[in-house]
Amino acid sequence: MPFVVTVTFEIAAGQMAAFLPLMQENASTSAMAEPGCLQFDVCCDPGRPDAVFLYEVYTDAAAFDAHLQALHFKAFDAATGDMITAKTVQTFETVARNPA
C-alpha cells in the first residue's frame, strides 16, 4: 500500500521567495530521481502567504526513508533550515478500497 507524507512549513517573514524555488527543485528531483516517489506536490494558500504544504506519496515507508537519505534532500534541508520557523510532518498508510 502507498505511504503518504504531508508536511506543513511555516516560513520566516521575507524568506518565501528564497524558499519556494529550493522546495520546488527538491520536489522535482524527488519525483524524477527516486523510484519510490510516486507523487510530490508543493502547495501554497494565498490566504496564508508564509505557509507551504507538501503532499508526497511513496511506494512504502522504506521509500520515504530513502528520500530522507538522498543527497538532494540533505542539501535542501541544510539550505532551508534557517528559513523555516515551524514544520509539521504527518504520515499515513493508504486504506484498501472496499470492492463495489
C-alpha atoms as a PDB file:
ATOM      1  CA  MET A   1       0.000   0.000   0.000  1.00  0.00           C
ATOM      2  CA  PRO A   2       1.282   3.511  -0.769  1.00  0.00           C
ATOM      3  CA  PHE A   3       2.743   5.581   2.059  1.00  0.00           C
ATOM      4  CA  VAL A   4       1.605   9.214   2.241  1.00  0.00           C
ATOM      5  CA  VAL A   5       3.505  12.060   3.880  1.00  0.00           C
ATOM      6  CA  THR A   6       2.157  15.550   4.488  1.00  0.00           C
ATOM      7  CA  VAL A   7       4.365  18.396   5.623  1.00  0.00           C
ATOM      8  CA  THR A   8       3.343  21.900   6.595  1.00  0.00           C
ATOM      9  CA  PHE A   9       6.076  24.528   6.744  1.00  0.00           C
ATOM     10  CA  GLU A  10       5.795  27.981   8.271  1.00  0.00           C
ATOM     11  CA  ILE A  11       8.360  30.155   6.529  1.00  0.00           C
ATOM     12  CA  ALA A  12      10.091  33.107   8.198  1.00  0.00           C
ATOM     13  CA  ALA A  13       8.906  36.531   7.080  1.00  0.00           C
ATOM     14  CA  GLY A  14      10.606  37.613   3.890  1.00  0.00           C
ATOM     15  CA  GLN A  15      12.027  34.143   3.103  1.00  0.00           C
ATOM     16  CA  MET A  16       9.345  32.678   0.812  1.00  0.00           C
ATOM     17  CA  ALA A  17      10.982  33.976  -2.385  1.00  0.00           C
ATOM     18  CA  ALA A  18      14.191  32.125  -1.470  1.00  0.00           C
ATOM     19  CA  PHE A  19      12.495  29.029  -0.014  1.00  0.00           C
ATOM     20  CA  LEU A  20       9.969  28.181  -2.724  1.00  0.00           C
ATOM     21  CA  PRO A  21      12.397  27.605  -5.648  1.00  0.00           C
ATOM     22  CA  LEU A  22      14.513  25.317  -3.422  1.00  0.00           C
ATOM     23  CA  MET A  23      11.374  23.433  -2.373  1.00  0.00           C
ATOM     24  CA  GLN A  24      10.209  23.065  -5.979  1.00  0.00           C
ATOM     25  CA  GLU A  25      13.641  21.788  -7.035  1.00  0.00           C
ATOM     26  CA  ASN A  26      13.637  19.243  -4.196  1.00  0.00           C
ATOM     27  CA  ALA A  27      10.157  18.044  -5.175  1.00  0.00           C
ATOM     28  CA  SER A  28      11.037  17.787  -8.858  1.00  0.00           C
ATOM     29  CA  THR A  29      14.266  15.893  -8.184  1.00  0.00           C
ATOM     30  CA  SER A  30      12.478  13.546  -5.786  1.00  0.00           C
ATOM     31  CA  ALA A  31       9.780  12.735  -8.346  1.00  0.00           C
ATOM     32  CA  MET A  32      12.282  12.185 -11.171  1.00  0.00           C
ATOM     33  CA  ALA A  33      15.220  10.524  -9.402  1.00  0.00           C
ATOM     34  CA  GLU A  34      13.646   8.455  -6.623  1.00  0.00           C
ATOM     35  CA  PRO A  35      11.979   5.280  -7.927  1.00  0.00           C
ATOM     36  CA  GLY A  36       9.876   5.009  -4.751  1.00  0.00           C
ATOM     37  CA  CYS A  37       8.476   8.553  -5.008  1.00  0.00           C
ATOM     38  CA  LEU A  38       5.131   8.345  -6.803  1.00  0.00           C
ATOM     39  CA  GLN A  39       3.933  11.927  -6.258  1.00  0.00           C
ATOM     40  CA  PHE A  40       5.333  15.130  -4.719  1.00  0.00           C
ATOM     41  CA  ASP A  41       3.071  18.182  -4.730  1.00  0.00           C
ATOM     42  CA  VAL A  42       4.053  21.610  -3.383  1.00  0.00           C
ATOM     43  CA  CYS A  43       1.004  23.693  -2.426  1.00  0.00           C
ATOM     44  CA  CYS A  44       0.521  27.280  -1.266  1.00  0.00           C
ATOM     45  CA  ASP A  45      -2.570  29.080   0.041  1.00  0.00           C
ATOM     46  CA  PRO A  46      -2.852  32.764  -0.927  1.00  0.00           C
ATOM     47  CA  GLY A  47      -4.598  33.329   2.414  1.00  0.00           C
ATOM     48  CA  ARG A  48      -1.548  32.015   4.290  1.00  0.00           C
ATOM     49  CA  PRO A  49       1.423  33.604   2.471  1.00  0.00           C
ATOM     50  CA  ASP A  50       4.033  32.167   4.850  1.00  0.00           C
ATOM     51  CA  ALA A  51       2.834  28.543   4.668  1.00  0.00           C
ATOM     52  CA  VAL A  52       3.806  25.718   2.309  1.00  0.00           C
ATOM     53  CA  PHE A  53       2.028  22.348   2.282  1.00  0.00           C
ATOM     54  CA  LEU A  54       3.540  19.196   0.777  1.00  0.00           C
ATOM     55  CA  TYR A  55       1.661  16.079  -0.294  1.00  0.00           C
ATOM     56  CA  GLU A  56       4.033  13.198  -1.011  1.00  0.00           C
ATOM     57  CA  VAL A  57       3.248   9.613  -1.981  1.00  0.00           C
ATOM     58  CA  TYR A  58       5.827   6.815  -1.789  1.00  0.00           C
ATOM     59  CA  THR A  59       5.621   3.133  -2.590  1.00  0.00           C
ATOM     60  CA  ASP A  60       6.187   2.356   1.105  1.00  0.00           C
ATOM     61  CA  ALA A  61       7.788   3.705   4.300  1.00  0.00           C
ATOM     62  CA  ALA A  62      11.210   2.437   3.194  1.00  0.00           C
ATOM     63  CA  ALA A  63      10.996   4.611   0.068  1.00  0.00           C
ATOM     64  CA  PHE A  64      10.312   7.655   2.263  1.00  0.00           C
ATOM     65  CA  ASP A  65      13.276   6.736   4.465  1.00  0.00           C
ATOM     66  CA  ALA A  66      15.403   6.562   1.297  1.00  0.00           C
ATOM     67  CA  HIS A  67      14.144  10.036   0.356  1.00  0.00           C
ATOM     68  CA  LEU A  68      15.360  11.388   3.699  1.00  0.00           C
ATOM     69  CA  GLN A  69      18.831   9.959   2.984  1.00  0.00           C
ATOM     70  CA  ALA A  70      19.036  11.289  -0.598  1.00  0.00           C
ATOM     71  CA  LEU A  71      21.810  13.809  -1.220  1.00  0.00           C
ATOM     72  CA  HIS A  72      19.432  16.298  -2.848  1.00  0.00           C
ATOM     73  CA  PHE A  73      17.140  16.190   0.203  1.00  0.00           C
ATOM     74  CA  LYS A  74      20.037  16.683   2.607  1.00  0.00           C
ATOM     75  CA  ALA A  75      21.232  19.678   0.548  1.00  0.00           C
ATOM     76  CA  PHE A  76      17.709  21.156   0.561  1.00  0.00           C
ATOM     77  CA  ASP A  77      17.374  20.592   4.305  1.00  0.00           C
ATOM     78  CA  ALA A  78      20.698  22.315   5.011  1.00  0.00           C
ATOM     79  CA  ALA A  79      19.965  25.241   2.684  1.00  0.00           C
ATOM     80  CA  THR A  80      16.491  25.975   4.088  1.00  0.00           C
ATOM     81  CA  GLY A  81      16.866  25.239   7.806  1.00  0.00           C
ATOM     82  CA  ASP A  82      17.133  28.894   8.809  1.00  0.00           C
ATOM     83  CA  MET A  83      14.139  29.842   6.632  1.00  0.00           C
ATOM     84  CA  ILE A  84      11.685  27.573   8.465  1.00  0.00           C
ATOM     85  CA  THR A  85      10.040  28.668  11.717  1.00  0.00           C
ATOM     86  CA  ALA A  86       7.827  25.577  12.150  1.00  0.00           C
ATOM     87  CA  LYS A  87       7.411  22.200  10.462  1.00  0.00           C
ATOM     88  CA  THR A  88       4.730  19.555  10.980  1.00  0.00           C
ATOM     89  CA  VAL A  89       5.171  16.111   9.405  1.00  0.00           C
ATOM     90  CA  GLN A  90       2.395  13.520   9.327  1.00  0.00           C
ATOM     91  CA  THR A  91       2.454  10.068   7.758  1.00  0.00           C
ATOM     92  CA  PHE A  92      -0.407   7.882   6.578  1.00  0.00           C
ATOM     93  CA  GLU A  93      -0.885   4.462   5.026  1.00  0.00           C
ATOM     94  CA  THR A  94      -3.415   4.171   2.220  1.00  0.00           C
ATOM     95  CA  VAL A  95      -6.509   2.202   3.188  1.00  0.00           C
ATOM     96  CA  ALA A  96      -7.541  -0.502   0.745  1.00  0.00           C
ATOM     97  CA  ARG A  97     -10.781   0.306  -1.067  1.00  0.00           C
ATOM     98  CA  ASN A  98     -13.786  -1.904  -0.498  1.00  0.00           C
ATOM     99  CA  PRO A  99     -14.846  -3.686  -3.682  1.00  0.00           C
ATOM    100  CA  ALA A 100     -18.012  -2.194  -5.152  1.00  0.00           C
END
